[in-house]
Amino acid sequence: MVMNPPTRLTRMSDKAVHDLAALHDLLADVLLGHVSVVVDGYPVAFPTLVARDGDRLLVHGSTGSSWLRALGAGAPASVSVTAMDAVVVARSGFESSFHYRSAVLFGRFTPVDGDDRERALDVLVDRILPGRSGELRRPTKRELAATLILALPIADWSLKVSERWPDDLPEDVDGPAWAGVVPLRRGYGEPVPAPDLRDGVPVPASVRAITRR
C-alpha cells in the first residue's frame, strides 16, 4: 500500500498555513532541522544543518554516515524545523504556551552530483555564515569525495503557526495573575579567536556582519 505524506493537519487545523513564502521565511530563520528516517529497521532522527536552495532543501555530512547513505539510496524521510518566537504567559499553567512556527517536509532525498556539488556546498557554508565561502579556499578533491550532499524537493510539507494571546478562562481573567507575551530574542556575541590564530589576522567581514545584527 502506498501512503501519502500526512501534510494535512488533523489537530488545531486552524493554525495551518499554506503559503509557500511563509515556509521559505521559516527556513531562512532556522539553521537546524531534524531528519527522520528508518535505518536497519529502527526509526531515528538526526539534528543537522538545513539550507534551502531554491525549491529544494540541502543537507550534508560524511559519506561514512549510515543514515545519510540510507537517505541517498531513496529511503522515505521527513524533516522537521521549528522557530520559537515568544513565550505566552497565561494566567494558568494549562494555557501557558509559545508562539512558534513549525514545519515538516516529506519526501525522498537524492544525491547532488557533478558540478552542482561544489556550488551546493557553498550554499551550505553560507547558510551558517553568509558570505563565508568567498573568504575560504576552495574544497579539495579529497574533501569533496568525503562529503555526501543530498537534496529534498520542497513539494510535500505542512506548516503550523501559533501566534495567539493567552486564552484564559473568564474567572482567571478576573483574577490577580499577569498575562501577556514575552518575545524571544536571538543574537550573536563577540567573536572569540581560536587559540592558534596567527597574530594580525583580522575578523572577516562575514563574522563582523552577523555580530552587527
C-alpha atoms as a PDB file:
ATOM      1  CA  MET A   1       0.000   0.000   0.000  1.00  0.00           C
ATOM      2  CA  VAL A   2       1.312   3.443  -0.935  1.00  0.00           C
ATOM      3  CA  MET A   3       0.774   6.044   1.770  1.00  0.00           C
ATOM      4  CA  ASN A   4       0.554   9.736   1.024  1.00  0.00           C
ATOM      5  CA  PRO A   5       2.566  12.079   3.269  1.00  0.00           C
ATOM      6  CA  PRO A   6       0.431  13.488   6.132  1.00  0.00           C
ATOM      7  CA  THR A   7       0.597  17.110   5.041  1.00  0.00           C
ATOM      8  CA  ARG A   8      -2.923  17.966   6.249  1.00  0.00           C
ATOM      9  CA  LEU A   9      -3.148  18.938   9.916  1.00  0.00           C
ATOM     10  CA  THR A  10      -5.766  16.936  11.779  1.00  0.00           C
ATOM     11  CA  ARG A  11      -5.436  18.737  15.130  1.00  0.00           C
ATOM     12  CA  MET A  12      -5.593  22.528  15.529  1.00  0.00           C
ATOM     13  CA  SER A  13      -6.035  22.789  11.782  1.00  0.00           C
ATOM     14  CA  ASP A  14      -6.869  26.476  12.189  1.00  0.00           C
ATOM     15  CA  LYS A  15      -3.145  27.043  12.770  1.00  0.00           C
ATOM     16  CA  ALA A  16      -2.246  25.564   9.382  1.00  0.00           C
ATOM     17  CA  VAL A  17      -0.533  27.922   6.934  1.00  0.00           C
ATOM     18  CA  HIS A  18      -0.421  27.030   3.254  1.00  0.00           C
ATOM     19  CA  ASP A  19       1.641  29.966   1.991  1.00  0.00           C
ATOM     20  CA  LEU A  20       4.928  28.766   0.475  1.00  0.00           C
ATOM     21  CA  ALA A  21       6.520  32.153   1.217  1.00  0.00           C
ATOM     22  CA  ALA A  22       5.844  31.578   4.938  1.00  0.00           C
ATOM     23  CA  LEU A  23       7.677  28.255   4.734  1.00  0.00           C
ATOM     24  CA  HIS A  24      10.593  29.966   2.988  1.00  0.00           C
ATOM     25  CA  ASP A  25      10.674  32.587   5.763  1.00  0.00           C
ATOM     26  CA  LEU A  26      10.837  29.856   8.402  1.00  0.00           C
ATOM     27  CA  LEU A  27      13.660  28.057   6.579  1.00  0.00           C
ATOM     28  CA  ALA A  28      15.514  31.380   6.401  1.00  0.00           C
ATOM     29  CA  ASP A  29      15.233  31.763  10.178  1.00  0.00           C
ATOM     30  CA  VAL A  30      16.343  28.310  11.316  1.00  0.00           C
ATOM     31  CA  LEU A  31      19.685  26.562  10.874  1.00  0.00           C
ATOM     32  CA  LEU A  32      18.900  23.221  12.459  1.00  0.00           C
ATOM     33  CA  GLY A  33      16.478  20.589  11.262  1.00  0.00           C
ATOM     34  CA  HIS A  34      15.760  17.044  12.395  1.00  0.00           C
ATOM     35  CA  VAL A  35      15.813  14.416   9.664  1.00  0.00           C
ATOM     36  CA  SER A  36      13.772  11.301  10.454  1.00  0.00           C
ATOM     37  CA  VAL A  37      14.333   8.024   8.602  1.00  0.00           C
ATOM     38  CA  VAL A  38      14.213   4.294   9.255  1.00  0.00           C
ATOM     39  CA  VAL A  39      17.707   2.748   9.357  1.00  0.00           C
ATOM     40  CA  ASP A  40      18.144  -1.010   9.788  1.00  0.00           C
ATOM     41  CA  GLY A  41      14.538  -1.332  10.883  1.00  0.00           C
ATOM     42  CA  TYR A  42      14.661   1.385  13.547  1.00  0.00           C
ATOM     43  CA  PRO A  43      13.212   4.919  13.330  1.00  0.00           C
ATOM     44  CA  VAL A  44      15.853   7.543  14.044  1.00  0.00           C
ATOM     45  CA  ALA A  45      16.001  11.353  13.979  1.00  0.00           C
ATOM     46  CA  PHE A  46      19.204  13.285  13.369  1.00  0.00           C
ATOM     47  CA  PRO A  47      19.797  17.004  14.013  1.00  0.00           C
ATOM     48  CA  THR A  48      21.643  18.604  11.124  1.00  0.00           C
ATOM     49  CA  LEU A  49      22.161  21.853   9.235  1.00  0.00           C
ATOM     50  CA  VAL A  50      19.456  22.505   6.635  1.00  0.00           C
ATOM     51  CA  ALA A  51      19.678  25.051   3.826  1.00  0.00           C
ATOM     52  CA  ARG A  52      17.049  25.995   1.271  1.00  0.00           C
ATOM     53  CA  ASP A  53      18.389  26.164  -2.267  1.00  0.00           C
ATOM     54  CA  GLY A  54      15.554  27.347  -4.469  1.00  0.00           C
ATOM     55  CA  ASP A  55      12.885  24.658  -4.492  1.00  0.00           C
ATOM     56  CA  ARG A  56      14.945  22.076  -2.637  1.00  0.00           C
ATOM     57  CA  LEU A  57      16.355  21.537   0.858  1.00  0.00           C
ATOM     58  CA  LEU A  58      20.015  20.586   1.264  1.00  0.00           C
ATOM     59  CA  VAL A  59      21.710  18.503   3.957  1.00  0.00           C
ATOM     60  CA  HIS A  60      25.235  17.129   4.053  1.00  0.00           C
ATOM     61  CA  GLY A  61      27.645  15.020   6.039  1.00  0.00           C
ATOM     62  CA  SER A  62      30.206  12.263   5.880  1.00  0.00           C
ATOM     63  CA  THR A  63      29.993   9.587   3.202  1.00  0.00           C
ATOM     64  CA  GLY A  64      30.528   7.148   6.073  1.00  0.00           C
ATOM     65  CA  SER A  65      27.226   8.094   7.716  1.00  0.00           C
ATOM     66  CA  SER A  66      24.760   5.189   7.625  1.00  0.00           C
ATOM     67  CA  TRP A  67      21.721   7.462   7.866  1.00  0.00           C
ATOM     68  CA  LEU A  68      22.933   9.716   5.061  1.00  0.00           C
ATOM     69  CA  ARG A  69      23.604   6.691   2.891  1.00  0.00           C
ATOM     70  CA  ALA A  70      20.081   5.431   3.605  1.00  0.00           C
ATOM     71  CA  LEU A  71      18.675   8.787   2.554  1.00  0.00           C
ATOM     72  CA  GLY A  72      20.838   8.846  -0.568  1.00  0.00           C
ATOM     73  CA  ALA A  73      19.531   5.397  -1.502  1.00  0.00           C
ATOM     74  CA  GLY A  74      15.976   6.759  -1.563  1.00  0.00           C
ATOM     75  CA  ALA A  75      14.564   5.921   1.862  1.00  0.00           C
ATOM     76  CA  PRO A  76      11.400   7.931   2.626  1.00  0.00           C
ATOM     77  CA  ALA A  77      12.132  10.691   5.121  1.00  0.00           C
ATOM     78  CA  SER A  78      10.766  13.718   6.896  1.00  0.00           C
ATOM     79  CA  VAL A  79      12.483  16.900   8.032  1.00  0.00           C
ATOM     80  CA  SER A  80      11.124  18.988  10.909  1.00  0.00           C
ATOM     81  CA  VAL A  81      12.107  22.601  11.607  1.00  0.00           C
ATOM     82  CA  THR A  82      10.841  24.880  14.373  1.00  0.00           C
ATOM     83  CA  ALA A  83      11.313  28.506  15.354  1.00  0.00           C
ATOM     84  CA  MET A  84      10.308  29.592  18.862  1.00  0.00           C
ATOM     85  CA  ASP A  85       9.242  33.244  18.710  1.00  0.00           C
ATOM     86  CA  ALA A  86       7.746  34.085  22.108  1.00  0.00           C
ATOM     87  CA  VAL A  87       6.563  32.745  25.458  1.00  0.00           C
ATOM     88  CA  VAL A  88       2.831  33.004  26.017  1.00  0.00           C
ATOM     89  CA  VAL A  89       2.380  33.782  29.721  1.00  0.00           C
ATOM     90  CA  ALA A  90      -1.153  32.754  30.638  1.00  0.00           C
ATOM     91  CA  ARG A  91      -2.984  33.003  33.942  1.00  0.00           C
ATOM     92  CA  SER A  92      -2.843  29.231  34.349  1.00  0.00           C
ATOM     93  CA  GLY A  93      -0.230  26.600  33.630  1.00  0.00           C
ATOM     94  CA  PHE A  94      -2.715  24.799  31.384  1.00  0.00           C
ATOM     95  CA  GLU A  95      -2.988  27.729  28.955  1.00  0.00           C
ATOM     96  CA  SER A  96       0.701  28.726  29.007  1.00  0.00           C
ATOM     97  CA  SER A  97       2.453  28.051  25.691  1.00  0.00           C
ATOM     98  CA  PHE A  98       4.669  29.518  22.964  1.00  0.00           C
ATOM     99  CA  HIS A  99       4.452  31.439  19.766  1.00  0.00           C
ATOM    100  CA  TYR A 100       6.078  29.148  17.240  1.00  0.00           C
ATOM    101  CA  ARG A 101       6.378  28.293  13.564  1.00  0.00           C
ATOM    102  CA  SER A 102       6.856  24.613  12.850  1.00  0.00           C
ATOM    103  CA  ALA A 103       7.054  22.742   9.553  1.00  0.00           C
ATOM    104  CA  VAL A 104       7.524  19.157   8.460  1.00  0.00           C
ATOM    105  CA  LEU A 105       8.723  18.329   4.952  1.00  0.00           C
ATOM    106  CA  PHE A 106       8.250  14.882   3.431  1.00  0.00           C
ATOM    107  CA  GLY A 107       9.834  13.069   0.527  1.00  0.00           C
ATOM    108  CA  ARG A 108      12.955  11.319  -0.683  1.00  0.00           C
ATOM    109  CA  PHE A 109      16.435  12.794  -0.876  1.00  0.00           C
ATOM    110  CA  THR A 110      18.651  12.386  -3.914  1.00  0.00           C
ATOM    111  CA  PRO A 111      22.433  12.853  -4.087  1.00  0.00           C
ATOM    112  CA  VAL A 112      23.745  16.106  -5.524  1.00  0.00           C
ATOM    113  CA  ASP A 113      26.242  15.133  -8.222  1.00  0.00           C
ATOM    114  CA  GLY A 114      28.602  16.632 -10.759  1.00  0.00           C
ATOM    115  CA  ASP A 115      29.426  20.305 -10.938  1.00  0.00           C
ATOM    116  CA  ASP A 116      26.447  21.119  -8.723  1.00  0.00           C
ATOM    117  CA  ARG A 117      28.125  19.569  -5.671  1.00  0.00           C
ATOM    118  CA  GLU A 118      30.626  22.351  -5.063  1.00  0.00           C
ATOM    119  CA  ARG A 119      28.008  25.057  -5.555  1.00  0.00           C
ATOM    120  CA  ALA A 120      25.645  23.248  -3.165  1.00  0.00           C
ATOM    121  CA  LEU A 121      28.432  23.070  -0.593  1.00  0.00           C
ATOM    122  CA  ASP A 122      28.865  26.835  -0.905  1.00  0.00           C
ATOM    123  CA  VAL A 123      25.140  27.226  -0.189  1.00  0.00           C
ATOM    124  CA  LEU A 124      25.523  25.173   2.995  1.00  0.00           C
ATOM    125  CA  VAL A 125      28.630  27.067   4.143  1.00  0.00           C
ATOM    126  CA  ASP A 126      26.956  30.419   3.508  1.00  0.00           C
ATOM    127  CA  ARG A 127      23.845  29.254   5.363  1.00  0.00           C
ATOM    128  CA  ILE A 128      25.948  29.044   8.520  1.00  0.00           C
ATOM    129  CA  LEU A 129      27.756  32.312   7.867  1.00  0.00           C
ATOM    130  CA  PRO A 130      26.601  34.389   4.881  1.00  0.00           C
ATOM    131  CA  GLY A 131      29.480  35.264   2.546  1.00  0.00           C
ATOM    132  CA  ARG A 132      31.929  32.878   4.209  1.00  0.00           C
ATOM    133  CA  SER A 133      32.501  30.667   1.154  1.00  0.00           C
ATOM    134  CA  GLY A 134      34.038  33.629  -0.680  1.00  0.00           C
ATOM    135  CA  GLU A 135      36.587  34.088   2.127  1.00  0.00           C
ATOM    136  CA  LEU A 136      37.821  30.488   2.131  1.00  0.00           C
ATOM    137  CA  ARG A 137      39.972  28.357  -0.141  1.00  0.00           C
ATOM    138  CA  ARG A 138      38.098  26.011  -2.424  1.00  0.00           C
ATOM    139  CA  PRO A 139      37.422  22.480  -1.111  1.00  0.00           C
ATOM    140  CA  THR A 140      39.924  19.854  -2.158  1.00  0.00           C
ATOM    141  CA  LYS A 141      39.020  16.766  -4.184  1.00  0.00           C
ATOM    142  CA  ARG A 142      39.584  14.692  -1.047  1.00  0.00           C
ATOM    143  CA  GLU A 143      37.181  16.827   0.991  1.00  0.00           C
ATOM    144  CA  LEU A 144      34.539  16.689  -1.724  1.00  0.00           C
ATOM    145  CA  ALA A 145      34.925  12.920  -2.003  1.00  0.00           C
ATOM    146  CA  ALA A 146      34.384  12.570   1.755  1.00  0.00           C
ATOM    147  CA  THR A 147      31.212  14.686   1.730  1.00  0.00           C
ATOM    148  CA  LEU A 148      27.736  13.488   0.792  1.00  0.00           C
ATOM    149  CA  ILE A 149      25.308  16.243  -0.210  1.00  0.00           C
ATOM    150  CA  LEU A 150      21.621  15.412  -0.531  1.00  0.00           C
ATOM    151  CA  ALA A 151      18.629  17.389  -1.784  1.00  0.00           C
ATOM    152  CA  LEU A 152      14.953  17.052  -0.869  1.00  0.00           C
ATOM    153  CA  PRO A 153      12.316  18.642  -3.148  1.00  0.00           C
ATOM    154  CA  ILE A 154      10.192  21.187  -1.275  1.00  0.00           C
ATOM    155  CA  ALA A 155       6.932  19.731  -2.530  1.00  0.00           C
ATOM    156  CA  ASP A 156       5.084  17.912   0.272  1.00  0.00           C
ATOM    157  CA  TRP A 157       5.008  19.831   3.543  1.00  0.00           C
ATOM    158  CA  SER A 158       2.847  21.159   6.353  1.00  0.00           C
ATOM    159  CA  LEU A 159       3.326  24.369   8.327  1.00  0.00           C
ATOM    160  CA  LYS A 160       1.742  25.292  11.643  1.00  0.00           C
ATOM    161  CA  VAL A 161       1.937  28.785  13.121  1.00  0.00           C
ATOM    162  CA  SER A 162       0.843  29.707  16.642  1.00  0.00           C
ATOM    163  CA  GLU A 163       0.728  33.419  17.447  1.00  0.00           C
ATOM    164  CA  ARG A 164      -2.231  33.921  19.740  1.00  0.00           C
ATOM    165  CA  TRP A 165      -2.698  35.762  23.007  1.00  0.00           C
ATOM    166  CA  PRO A 166      -3.403  33.783  26.185  1.00  0.00           C
ATOM    167  CA  ASP A 167      -6.805  32.085  26.033  1.00  0.00           C
ATOM    168  CA  ASP A 168      -7.713  32.186  29.708  1.00  0.00           C
ATOM    169  CA  LEU A 169     -10.926  31.246  31.420  1.00  0.00           C
ATOM    170  CA  PRO A 170     -13.146  34.219  32.367  1.00  0.00           C
ATOM    171  CA  GLU A 171     -12.618  33.586  36.080  1.00  0.00           C
ATOM    172  CA  ASP A 172      -8.850  33.635  35.556  1.00  0.00           C
ATOM    173  CA  VAL A 173      -9.079  36.891  33.595  1.00  0.00           C
ATOM    174  CA  ASP A 174     -10.828  38.391  36.620  1.00  0.00           C
ATOM    175  CA  GLY A 175      -8.075  37.105  38.915  1.00  0.00           C
ATOM    176  CA  PRO A 176      -4.782  38.692  40.058  1.00  0.00           C
ATOM    177  CA  ALA A 177      -2.350  36.875  37.702  1.00  0.00           C
ATOM    178  CA  TRP A 178      -0.477  38.749  34.953  1.00  0.00           C
ATOM    179  CA  ALA A 179      -0.814  37.570  31.349  1.00  0.00           C
ATOM    180  CA  GLY A 180       0.884  38.513  28.106  1.00  0.00           C
ATOM    181  CA  VAL A 181       3.582  37.587  25.633  1.00  0.00           C
ATOM    182  CA  VAL A 182       7.371  37.712  26.094  1.00  0.00           C
ATOM    183  CA  PRO A 183       9.245  37.786  22.741  1.00  0.00           C
ATOM    184  CA  LEU A 184      12.277  35.522  22.379  1.00  0.00           C
ATOM    185  CA  ARG A 185      15.375  37.265  21.028  1.00  0.00           C
ATOM    186  CA  ARG A 186      18.289  35.555  19.299  1.00  0.00           C
ATOM    187  CA  GLY A 187      21.661  37.102  18.577  1.00  0.00           C
ATOM    188  CA  TYR A 188      25.420  36.658  18.323  1.00  0.00           C
ATOM    189  CA  GLY A 189      28.026  37.626  20.901  1.00  0.00           C
ATOM    190  CA  GLU A 190      31.501  38.971  20.360  1.00  0.00           C
ATOM    191  CA  PRO A 191      33.711  36.618  18.294  1.00  0.00           C
ATOM    192  CA  VAL A 192      36.344  34.694  20.262  1.00  0.00           C
ATOM    193  CA  PRO A 193      39.559  33.974  18.298  1.00  0.00           C
ATOM    194  CA  ALA A 194      40.940  30.436  18.103  1.00  0.00           C
ATOM    195  CA  PRO A 195      43.895  29.786  20.429  1.00  0.00           C
ATOM    196  CA  ASP A 196      46.159  29.076  17.447  1.00  0.00           C
ATOM    197  CA  LEU A 197      45.106  32.116  15.387  1.00  0.00           C
ATOM    198  CA  ARG A 198      48.126  33.923  13.988  1.00  0.00           C
ATOM    199  CA  ASP A 199      48.720  37.488  15.156  1.00  0.00           C
ATOM    200  CA  GLY A 200      47.399  40.123  12.793  1.00  0.00           C
ATOM    201  CA  VAL A 201      44.630  38.046  11.184  1.00  0.00           C
ATOM    202  CA  PRO A 202      41.553  40.308  11.283  1.00  0.00           C
ATOM    203  CA  VAL A 203      37.969  39.282  11.970  1.00  0.00           C
ATOM    204  CA  PRO A 204      36.474  38.624   8.496  1.00  0.00           C
ATOM    205  CA  ALA A 205      33.618  40.591   7.016  1.00  0.00           C
ATOM    206  CA  SER A 206      31.224  37.631   7.291  1.00  0.00           C
ATOM    207  CA  VAL A 207      31.751  37.418  11.071  1.00  0.00           C
ATOM    208  CA  ARG A 208      31.574  41.181  11.555  1.00  0.00           C
ATOM    209  CA  ALA A 209      28.271  41.234   9.647  1.00  0.00           C
ATOM    210  CA  ILE A 210      26.460  38.736  11.879  1.00  0.00           C
ATOM    211  CA  THR A 211      27.732  40.321  15.117  1.00  0.00           C
ATOM    212  CA  ARG A 212      26.212  43.639  13.988  1.00  0.00           C
ATOM    213  CA  ARG A 213      22.729  42.139  13.568  1.00  0.00           C
END
